[in-house]
Amino acid sequence: MPITKSAKKKLRKDKKREAENLKLKKSFKKSVKITRLNPSKKNLTEASKVVDKAAKKGIIHKNKAARIKSRLARKKTNDKESAPKKNKAK
């Protein structure tokens, strides 16, 4: 247990920060998972926001954030290309 006044305050602040970071980390993992399962424009936008916020807060590294966003975007375009194309009658 902290003894000094400043150490007690630091412990309180650390607990608040830890709770906030854990909340953001769970949100990050959930949104990325949803986007991987169902790659749509809406999901991709939401996941990108959360990934950027996690990188800004220091929860993940900025290069990891860029890599995740790139892979999610690529998955969205690959699913779109692999969909069967309809032939229009002339």
PDB file of N, CA and C in Angstrom:
ATOM      1  N   MET A   1       0.837  -1.192   0.000  1.00  0.00           N
ATOM      2  CA  MET A   1       0.000   0.000   0.000  1.00  0.00           C
ATOM      3  C   MET A   1       0.876   1.249   0.000  1.00  0.00           C
ATOM      4  N   PRO A   2       0.448   2.267  -0.729  1.00  0.00           N
ATOM      5  CA  PRO A   2       1.216   3.505  -0.748  1.00  0.00           C
ATOM      6  C   PRO A   2       1.122   4.232   0.593  1.00  0.00           C
ATOM      7  N   ILE A   3       2.178   4.933   0.919  1.00  0.00           N
ATOM      8  CA  ILE A   3       2.234   5.621   2.204  1.00  0.00           C
ATOM      9  C   ILE A   3       2.066   7.126   2.022  1.00  0.00           C
ATOM     10  N   THR A   4       2.809   7.704   1.097  1.00  0.00           N
ATOM     11  CA  THR A   4       2.748   9.152   0.923  1.00  0.00           C
ATOM     12  C   THR A   4       1.478   9.570   0.201  1.00  0.00           C
ATOM     13  N   LYS A   5       1.160  10.842   0.360  1.00  0.00           N
ATOM     14  CA  LYS A   5      -0.050  11.397  -0.244  1.00  0.00           C
ATOM     15  C   LYS A   5      -0.006  11.305  -1.768  1.00  0.00           C
ATOM     16  N   SER A   6       1.158  11.615  -2.342  1.00  0.00           N
ATOM     17  CA  SER A   6       1.278  11.580  -3.799  1.00  0.00           C
ATOM     18  C   SER A   6       1.197  10.144  -4.329  1.00  0.00           C
ATOM     19  N   ALA A   7       1.711   9.184  -3.581  1.00  0.00           N
ATOM     20  CA  ALA A   7       1.645   7.783  -3.999  1.00  0.00           C
ATOM     21  C   ALA A   7       0.204   7.280  -3.969  1.00  0.00           C
ATOM     22  N   LYS A   8      -0.567   7.742  -2.994  1.00  0.00           N
ATOM     23  CA  LYS A   8      -1.989   7.355  -2.910  1.00  0.00           C
ATOM     24  C   LYS A   8      -2.757   7.912  -4.112  1.00  0.00           C
ATOM     25  N   LYS A   9      -2.437   9.175  -4.445  1.00  0.00           N
ATOM     26  CA  LYS A   9      -3.097   9.790  -5.591  1.00  0.00           C
ATOM     27  C   LYS A   9      -2.721   9.064  -6.878  1.00  0.00           C
ATOM     28  N   LYS A  10      -1.456   8.706  -7.016  1.00  0.00           N
ATOM     29  CA  LYS A  10      -0.993   7.984  -8.196  1.00  0.00           C
ATOM     30  C   LYS A  10      -1.711   6.649  -8.330  1.00  0.00           C
ATOM     31  N   LEU A  11      -1.915   5.959  -7.222  1.00  0.00           N
ATOM     32  CA  LEU A  11      -2.627   4.676  -7.253  1.00  0.00           C
ATOM     33  C   LEU A  11      -4.052   4.870  -7.753  1.00  0.00           C
ATOM     34  N   ARG A  12      -4.729   5.930  -7.263  1.00  0.00           N
ATOM     35  CA  ARG A  12      -6.095   6.212  -7.723  1.00  0.00           C
ATOM     36  C   ARG A  12      -6.120   6.505  -9.220  1.00  0.00           C
ATOM     37  N   LYS A  13      -5.187   7.310  -9.690  1.00  0.00           N
ATOM     38  CA  LYS A  13      -5.129   7.654 -11.112  1.00  0.00           C
ATOM     39  C   LYS A  13      -4.811   6.427 -11.957  1.00  0.00           C
ATOM     40  N   ASP A  14      -3.896   5.581 -11.470  1.00  0.00           N
ATOM     41  CA  ASP A  14      -3.527   4.373 -12.211  1.00  0.00           C
ATOM     42  C   ASP A  14      -4.711   3.426 -12.365  1.00  0.00           C
ATOM     43  N   LYS A  15      -5.514   3.316 -11.320  1.00  0.00           N
ATOM     44  CA  LYS A  15      -6.696   2.442 -11.395  1.00  0.00           C
ATOM     45  C   LYS A  15      -7.693   2.958 -12.426  1.00  0.00           C
ATOM     46  N   LYS A  16      -7.897   4.282 -12.446  1.00  0.00           N
ATOM     47  CA  LYS A  16      -8.817   4.868 -13.424  1.00  0.00           C
ATOM     48  C   LYS A  16      -8.302   4.664 -14.848  1.00  0.00           C
ATOM     49  N   ARG A  17      -7.001   4.903 -15.039  1.00  0.00           N
ATOM     50  CA  ARG A  17      -6.403   4.721 -16.365  1.00  0.00           C
ATOM     51  C   ARG A  17      -6.478   3.271 -16.813  1.00  0.00           C
ATOM     52  N   GLU A  18      -6.213   2.364 -15.895  1.00  0.00           N
ATOM     53  CA  GLU A  18      -6.251   0.941 -16.228  1.00  0.00           C
ATOM     54  C   GLU A  18      -7.653   0.526 -16.663  1.00  0.00           C
ATOM     55  N   ALA A  19      -8.674   1.020 -15.944  1.00  0.00           N
ATOM     56  CA  ALA A  19     -10.053   0.697 -16.293  1.00  0.00           C
ATOM     57  C   ALA A  19     -10.408   1.237 -17.679  1.00  0.00           C
ATOM     58  N   GLU A  20      -9.991   2.458 -17.960  1.00  0.00           N
ATOM     59  CA  GLU A  20     -10.278   3.072 -19.257  1.00  0.00           C
ATOM     60  C   GLU A  20      -9.561   2.333 -20.386  1.00  0.00           C
ATOM     61  N   ASN A  21      -8.300   1.972 -20.145  1.00  0.00           N
ATOM     62  CA  ASN A  21      -7.537   1.259 -21.164  1.00  0.00           C
ATOM     63  C   ASN A  21      -8.116  -0.125 -21.422  1.00  0.00           C
ATOM     64  N   LEU A  22      -8.559  -0.806 -20.376  1.00  0.00           N
ATOM     65  CA  LEU A  22      -9.157  -2.128 -20.529  1.00  0.00           C
ATOM     66  C   LEU A  22     -10.449  -2.039 -21.336  1.00  0.00           C
ATOM     67  N   LYS A  23     -11.238  -1.009 -21.073  1.00  0.00           N
ATOM     68  CA  LYS A  23     -12.491  -0.797 -21.805  1.00  0.00           C
ATOM     69  C   LYS A  23     -12.205  -0.577 -23.293  1.00  0.00           C
ATOM     70  N   LEU A  24     -11.203   0.249 -23.572  1.00  0.00           N
ATOM     71  CA  LEU A  24     -10.841   0.531 -24.967  1.00  0.00           C
ATOM     72  C   LEU A  24     -10.270  -0.709 -25.652  1.00  0.00           C
ATOM     73  N   LYS A  25      -9.480  -1.486 -24.926  1.00  0.00           N
ATOM     74  CA  LYS A  25      -8.883  -2.697 -25.494  1.00  0.00           C
ATOM     75  C   LYS A  25      -9.955  -3.723 -25.857  1.00  0.00           C
ATOM     76  N   LYS A  26     -10.961  -3.871 -24.984  1.00  0.00           N
ATOM     77  CA  LYS A  26     -12.061  -4.797 -25.275  1.00  0.00           C
ATOM     78  C   LYS A  26     -12.857  -4.322 -26.483  1.00  0.00           C
ATOM     79  N   SER A  27     -13.107  -3.028 -26.542  1.00  0.00           N
ATOM     80  CA  SER A  27     -13.831  -2.453 -27.671  1.00  0.00           C
ATOM     81  C   SER A  27     -13.058  -2.663 -28.971  1.00  0.00           C
ATOM     82  N   PHE A  28     -11.753  -2.466 -28.908  1.00  0.00           N
ATOM     83  CA  PHE A  28     -10.864  -2.662 -30.048  1.00  0.00           C
ATOM     84  C   PHE A  28     -10.950  -4.094 -30.560  1.00  0.00           C
ATOM     85  N   LYS A  29     -10.784  -5.060 -29.658  1.00  0.00           N
ATOM     86  CA  LYS A  29     -10.808  -6.471 -30.063  1.00  0.00           C
ATOM     87  C   LYS A  29     -12.171  -6.864 -30.627  1.00  0.00           C
ATOM     88  N   LYS A  30     -13.235  -6.378 -30.001  1.00  0.00           N
ATOM     89  CA  LYS A  30     -14.586  -6.724 -30.442  1.00  0.00           C
ATOM     90  C   LYS A  30     -14.873  -6.177 -31.847  1.00  0.00           C
ATOM     91  N   SER A  31     -14.520  -4.912 -32.080  1.00  0.00           N
ATOM     92  CA  SER A  31     -14.818  -4.309 -33.380  1.00  0.00           C
ATOM     93  C   SER A  31     -13.994  -4.946 -34.506  1.00  0.00           C
ATOM     94  N   VAL A  32     -12.743  -5.304 -34.213  1.00  0.00           N
ATOM     95  CA  VAL A  32     -11.906  -5.956 -35.226  1.00  0.00           C
ATOM     96  C   VAL A  32     -12.468  -7.341 -35.550  1.00  0.00           C
ATOM     97  N   LYS A  33     -12.897  -8.055 -34.530  1.00  0.00           N
ATOM     98  CA  LYS A  33     -13.456  -9.389 -34.734  1.00  0.00           C
ATOM     99  C   LYS A  33     -14.739  -9.328 -35.570  1.00  0.00           C
ATOM    100  N   ILE A  34     -15.606  -8.372 -35.246  1.00  0.00           N
ATOM    101  CA  ILE A  34     -16.858  -8.217 -35.995  1.00  0.00           C
ATOM    102  C   ILE A  34     -16.568  -7.880 -37.457  1.00  0.00           C
ATOM    103  N   THR A  35     -15.594  -7.013 -37.680  1.00  0.00           N
ATOM    104  CA  THR A  35     -15.253  -6.611 -39.047  1.00  0.00           C
ATOM    105  C   THR A  35     -14.654  -7.767 -39.836  1.00  0.00           C
ATOM    106  N   ARG A  36     -13.857  -8.597 -39.170  1.00  0.00           N
ATOM    107  CA  ARG A  36     -13.291  -9.760 -39.865  1.00  0.00           C
ATOM    108  C   ARG A  36     -14.377 -10.743 -40.264  1.00  0.00           C
ATOM    109  N   LEU A  37     -15.380 -10.920 -39.405  1.00  0.00           N
ATOM    110  CA  LEU A  37     -16.457 -11.857 -39.704  1.00  0.00           C
ATOM    111  C   LEU A  37     -17.427 -11.307 -40.740  1.00  0.00           C
ATOM    112  N   ASN A  38     -17.692 -10.003 -40.661  1.00  0.00           N
ATOM    113  CA  ASN A  38     -18.660  -9.386 -41.565  1.00  0.00           C
ATOM    114  C   ASN A  38     -18.071  -8.093 -42.130  1.00  0.00           C
ATOM    115  N   PRO A  39     -17.230  -8.190 -43.152  1.00  0.00           N
ATOM    116  CA  PRO A  39     -16.568  -6.987 -43.668  1.00  0.00           C
ATOM    117  C   PRO A  39     -17.512  -6.120 -44.500  1.00  0.00           C
ATOM    118  N   SER A  40     -18.011  -5.065 -43.880  1.00  0.00           N
ATOM    119  CA  SER A  40     -18.833  -4.093 -44.599  1.00  0.00           C
ATOM    120  C   SER A  40     -18.219  -2.716 -44.398  1.00  0.00           C
ATOM    121  N   LYS A  41     -18.679  -1.770 -45.161  1.00  0.00           N
ATOM    122  CA  LYS A  41     -18.120  -0.421 -45.084  1.00  0.00           C
ATOM    123  C   LYS A  41     -18.349   0.179 -43.698  1.00  0.00           C
ATOM    124  N   LYS A  42     -19.528  -0.040 -43.157  1.00  0.00           N
ATOM    125  CA  LYS A  42     -19.869   0.495 -41.836  1.00  0.00           C
ATOM    126  C   LYS A  42     -18.962  -0.117 -40.763  1.00  0.00           C
ATOM    127  N   ASN A  43     -18.811  -1.434 -40.800  1.00  0.00           N
ATOM    128  CA  ASN A  43     -17.959  -2.112 -39.820  1.00  0.00           C
ATOM    129  C   ASN A  43     -16.502  -1.689 -39.959  1.00  0.00           C
ATOM    130  N   LEU A  44     -16.056  -1.524 -41.194  1.00  0.00           N
ATOM    131  CA  LEU A  44     -14.671  -1.106 -41.434  1.00  0.00           C
ATOM    132  C   LEU A  44     -14.413   0.299 -40.886  1.00  0.00           C
ATOM    133  N   THR A  45     -15.358   1.190 -41.084  1.00  0.00           N
ATOM    134  CA  THR A  45     -15.224   2.552 -40.572  1.00  0.00           C
ATOM    135  C   THR A  45     -15.171   2.556 -39.053  1.00  0.00           C
ATOM    136  N   GLU A  46     -16.062   1.804 -38.435  1.00  0.00           N
ATOM    137  CA  GLU A  46     -16.104   1.726 -36.971  1.00  0.00           C
ATOM    138  C   GLU A  46     -14.811   1.125 -36.419  1.00  0.00           C
ATOM    139  N   ALA A  47     -14.353   0.060 -37.035  1.00  0.00           N
ATOM    140  CA  ALA A  47     -13.119  -0.581 -36.579  1.00  0.00           C
ATOM    141  C   ALA A  47     -11.921   0.350 -36.743  1.00  0.00           C
ATOM    142  N   SER A  48     -11.882   1.090 -37.833  1.00  0.00           N
ATOM    143  CA  SER A  48     -10.771   2.021 -38.052  1.00  0.00           C
ATOM    144  C   SER A  48     -10.724   3.094 -36.976  1.00  0.00           C
ATOM    145  N   LYS A  49     -11.880   3.596 -36.590  1.00  0.00           N
ATOM    146  CA  LYS A  49     -11.942   4.601 -35.530  1.00  0.00           C
ATOM    147  C   LYS A  49     -11.382   4.048 -34.220  1.00  0.00           C
ATOM    148  N   VAL A  50     -11.831   2.857 -33.871  1.00  0.00           N
ATOM    149  CA  VAL A  50     -11.416   2.260 -32.599  1.00  0.00           C
ATOM    150  C   VAL A  50      -9.931   1.914 -32.628  1.00  0.00           C
ATOM    151  N   VAL A  51      -9.454   1.413 -33.750  1.00  0.00           N
ATOM    152  CA  VAL A  51      -8.034   1.065 -33.886  1.00  0.00           C
ATOM    153  C   VAL A  51      -7.169   2.322 -33.760  1.00  0.00           C
ATOM    154  N   ASP A  52      -7.583   3.399 -34.411  1.00  0.00           N
ATOM    155  CA  ASP A  52      -6.828   4.652 -34.314  1.00  0.00           C
ATOM    156  C   ASP A  52      -6.810   5.186 -32.884  1.00  0.00           C
ATOM    157  N   LYS A  53      -7.943   5.089 -32.219  1.00  0.00           N
ATOM    158  CA  LYS A  53      -8.018   5.571 -30.841  1.00  0.00           C
ATOM    159  C   LYS A  53      -7.113   4.744 -29.926  1.00  0.00           C
ATOM    160  N   ALA A  54      -7.089   3.434 -30.138  1.00  0.00           N
ATOM    161  CA  ALA A  54      -6.225   2.567 -29.330  1.00  0.00           C
ATOM    162  C   ALA A  54      -4.750   2.886 -29.578  1.00  0.00           C
ATOM    163  N   ALA A  55      -4.408   3.194 -30.811  1.00  0.00           N
ATOM    164  CA  ALA A  55      -3.019   3.541 -31.124  1.00  0.00           C
ATOM    165  C   ALA A  55      -2.650   4.886 -30.508  1.00  0.00           C
ATOM    166  N   LYS A  56      -3.569   5.814 -30.539  1.00  0.00           N
ATOM    167  CA  LYS A  56      -3.320   7.137 -29.971  1.00  0.00           C
ATOM    168  C   LYS A  56      -3.113   7.057 -28.463  1.00  0.00           C
ATOM    169  N   LYS A  57      -3.885   6.204 -27.802  1.00  0.00           N
ATOM    170  CA  LYS A  57      -3.776   6.035 -26.356  1.00  0.00           C
ATOM    171  C   LYS A  57      -2.560   5.210 -25.954  1.00  0.00           C
ATOM    172  N   GLY A  58      -1.928   4.552 -26.925  1.00  0.00           N
ATOM    173  CA  GLY A  58      -0.747   3.749 -26.612  1.00  0.00           C
ATOM    174  C   GLY A  58      -1.067   2.319 -26.231  1.00  0.00           C
ATOM    175  N   ILE A  59      -2.284   1.882 -26.494  1.00  0.00           N
ATOM    176  CA  ILE A  59      -2.672   0.512 -26.170  1.00  0.00           C
ATOM    177  C   ILE A  59      -2.059  -0.451 -27.172  1.00  0.00           C
ATOM    178  N   ILE A  60      -2.002  -0.027 -28.425  1.00  0.00           N
ATOM    179  CA  ILE A  60      -1.278  -0.786 -29.446  1.00  0.00           C
ATOM    180  C   ILE A  60      -0.330   0.165 -30.149  1.00  0.00           C
ATOM    181  N   HIS A  61       0.664  -0.373 -30.821  1.00  0.00           N
ATOM    182  CA  HIS A  61       1.642   0.441 -31.535  1.00  0.00           C
ATOM    183  C   HIS A  61       1.014   0.980 -32.812  1.00  0.00           C
ATOM    184  N   LYS A  62       1.473   2.144 -33.258  1.00  0.00           N
ATOM    185  CA  LYS A  62       0.879   2.768 -34.448  1.00  0.00           C
ATOM    186  C   LYS A  62       1.069   1.918 -35.695  1.00  0.00           C
ATOM    187  N   ASN A  63       2.193   1.190 -35.790  1.00  0.00           N
ATOM    188  CA  ASN A  63       2.406   0.332 -36.961  1.00  0.00           C
ATOM    189  C   ASN A  63       1.474  -0.873 -36.934  1.00  0.00           C
ATOM    190  N   LYS A  64       1.189  -1.381 -35.740  1.00  0.00           N
ATOM    191  CA  LYS A  64       0.236  -2.484 -35.622  1.00  0.00           C
ATOM    192  C   LYS A  64      -1.152  -2.008 -36.037  1.00  0.00           C
ATOM    193  N   ALA A  65      -1.504  -0.791 -35.652  1.00  0.00           N
ATOM    194  CA  ALA A  65      -2.795  -0.224 -36.040  1.00  0.00           C
ATOM    195  C   ALA A  65      -2.896  -0.110 -37.558  1.00  0.00           C
ATOM    196  N   ALA A  66      -1.827   0.351 -38.180  1.00  0.00           N
ATOM    197  CA  ALA A  66      -1.827   0.484 -39.638  1.00  0.00           C
ATOM    198  C   ALA A  66      -1.948  -0.882 -40.304  1.00  0.00           C
ATOM    199  N   ARG A  67      -1.255  -1.865 -39.755  1.00  0.00           N
ATOM    200  CA  ARG A  67      -1.300  -3.218 -40.315  1.00  0.00           C
ATOM    201  C   ARG A  67      -2.703  -3.807 -40.202  1.00  0.00           C
ATOM    202  N   ILE A  68      -3.340  -3.627 -39.054  1.00  0.00           N
ATOM    203  CA  ILE A  68      -4.687  -4.156 -38.846  1.00  0.00           C
ATOM    204  C   ILE A  68      -5.676  -3.489 -39.805  1.00  0.00           C
ATOM    205  N   LYS A  69      -5.601  -2.164 -39.919  1.00  0.00           N
ATOM    206  CA  LYS A  69      -6.502  -1.445 -40.809  1.00  0.00           C
ATOM    207  C   LYS A  69      -6.302  -1.866 -42.258  1.00  0.00           C
ATOM    208  N   SER A  70      -5.063  -2.076 -42.648  1.00  0.00           N
ATOM    209  CA  SER A  70      -4.769  -2.497 -44.008  1.00  0.00           C
ATOM    210  C   SER A  70      -5.365  -3.874 -44.299  1.00  0.00           C
ATOM    211  N   ARG A  71      -5.186  -4.782 -43.366  1.00  0.00           N
ATOM    212  CA  ARG A  71      -5.709  -6.135 -43.560  1.00  0.00           C
ATOM    213  C   ARG A  71      -7.221  -6.157 -43.599  1.00  0.00           C
ATOM    214  N   LEU A  72      -7.861  -5.338 -42.760  1.00  0.00           N
ATOM    215  CA  LEU A  72      -9.324  -5.284 -42.760  1.00  0.00           C
ATOM    216  C   LEU A  72      -9.833  -4.709 -44.082  1.00  0.00           C
ATOM    217  N   ALA A  73      -9.174  -3.666 -44.575  1.00  0.00           N
ATOM    218  CA  ALA A  73      -9.584  -3.058 -45.842  1.00  0.00           C
ATOM    219  C   ALA A  73      -9.384  -4.030 -46.993  1.00  0.00           C
ATOM    220  N   ARG A  74      -8.278  -4.757 -46.957  1.00  0.00           N
ATOM    221  CA  ARG A  74      -7.991  -5.728 -48.010  1.00  0.00           C
ATOM    222  C   ARG A  74      -9.019  -6.853 -47.992  1.00  0.00           C
ATOM    223  N   LYS A  75      -9.414  -7.279 -46.801  1.00  0.00           N
ATOM    224  CA  LYS A  75     -10.414  -8.344 -46.684  1.00  0.00           C
ATOM    225  C   LYS A  75     -11.747  -7.884 -47.256  1.00  0.00           C
ATOM    226  N   LYS A  76     -12.100  -6.626 -47.012  1.00  0.00           N
ATOM    227  CA  LYS A  76     -13.350  -6.086 -47.538  1.00  0.00           C
ATOM    228  C   LYS A  76     -13.331  -6.081 -49.061  1.00  0.00           C
ATOM    229  N   THR A  77     -12.225  -5.650 -49.661  1.00  0.00           N
ATOM    230  CA  THR A  77     -12.158  -5.600 -51.117  1.00  0.00           C
ATOM    231  C   THR A  77     -12.084  -6.995 -51.716  1.00  0.00           C
ATOM    232  N   ASN A  78     -11.391  -7.915 -51.049  1.00  0.00           N
ATOM    233  CA  ASN A  78     -11.300  -9.289 -51.562  1.00  0.00           C
ATOM    234  C   ASN A  78     -12.660  -9.962 -51.554  1.00  0.00           C
ATOM    235  N   ASP A  79     -13.458  -9.729 -50.513  1.00  0.00           N
ATOM    236  CA  ASP A  79     -14.785 -10.327 -50.473  1.00  0.00           C
ATOM    237  C   ASP A  79     -15.675  -9.750 -51.569  1.00  0.00           C
ATOM    238  N   LYS A  80     -15.489  -8.483 -51.860  1.00  0.00           N
ATOM    239  CA  LYS A  80     -16.286  -7.846 -52.902  1.00  0.00           C
ATOM    240  C   LYS A  80     -15.928  -8.410 -54.279  1.00  0.00           C
ATOM    241  N   GLU A  81     -14.631  -8.644 -54.507  1.00  0.00           N
ATOM    242  CA  GLU A  81     -14.184  -9.150 -55.806  1.00  0.00           C
ATOM    243  C   GLU A  81     -14.569 -10.608 -56.002  1.00  0.00           C
ATOM    244  N   SER A  82     -14.585 -11.381 -54.903  1.00  0.00           N
ATOM    245  CA  SER A  82     -14.865 -12.800 -55.040  1.00  0.00           C
ATOM    246  C   SER A  82     -16.361 -13.089 -55.192  1.00  0.00           C
ATOM    247  N   ALA A  83     -17.199 -12.076 -54.990  1.00  0.00           N
ATOM    248  CA  ALA A  83     -18.626 -12.272 -55.161  1.00  0.00           C
ATOM    249  C   ALA A  83     -18.920 -12.524 -56.637  1.00  0.00           C
ATOM    250  N   PRO A  84     -19.871 -13.390 -56.931  1.00  0.00           N
ATOM    251  CA  PRO A  84     -20.180 -13.681 -58.331  1.00  0.00           C
ATOM    252  C   PRO A  84     -20.744 -12.451 -59.039  1.00  0.00           C
ATOM    253  N   LYS A  85     -20.280 -12.228 -60.267  1.00  0.00           N
ATOM    254  CA  LYS A  85     -20.732 -11.089 -61.033  1.00  0.00           C
ATOM    255  C   LYS A  85     -21.957 -11.466 -61.861  1.00  0.00           C
ATOM    256  N   LYS A  86     -22.860 -10.526 -61.933  1.00  0.00           N
ATOM    257  CA  LYS A  86     -24.094 -10.769 -62.689  1.00  0.00           C
ATOM    258  C   LYS A  86     -23.895 -10.339 -64.142  1.00  0.00           C
ATOM    259  N   ASN A  87     -24.339 -11.169 -65.042  1.00  0.00           N
ATOM    260  CA  ASN A  87     -24.260 -10.841 -66.463  1.00  0.00           C
ATOM    261  C   ASN A  87     -25.536 -10.132 -66.874  1.00  0.00           C
ATOM    262  N   LYS A  88     -25.359  -8.999 -67.505  1.00  0.00           N
ATOM    263  CA  LYS A  88     -26.527  -8.247 -67.957  1.00  0.00           C
ATOM    264  C   LYS A  88     -26.886  -8.705 -69.384  1.00  0.00           C
ATOM    265  N   ALA A  89     -28.158  -8.918 -69.596  1.00  0.00           N
ATOM    266  CA  ALA A  89     -28.613  -9.297 -70.934  1.00  0.00           C
ATOM    267  C   ALA A  89     -28.650  -8.064 -71.819  1.00  0.00           C
ATOM    268  N   LYS A  90     -28.145  -8.217 -73.030  1.00  0.00           N
ATOM    269  CA  LYS A  90     -28.105  -7.076 -73.952  1.00  0.00           C
ATOM    270  C   LYS A  90     -29.239  -7.130 -74.931  1.00  0.00           C
TER     271      LYS A  90
END
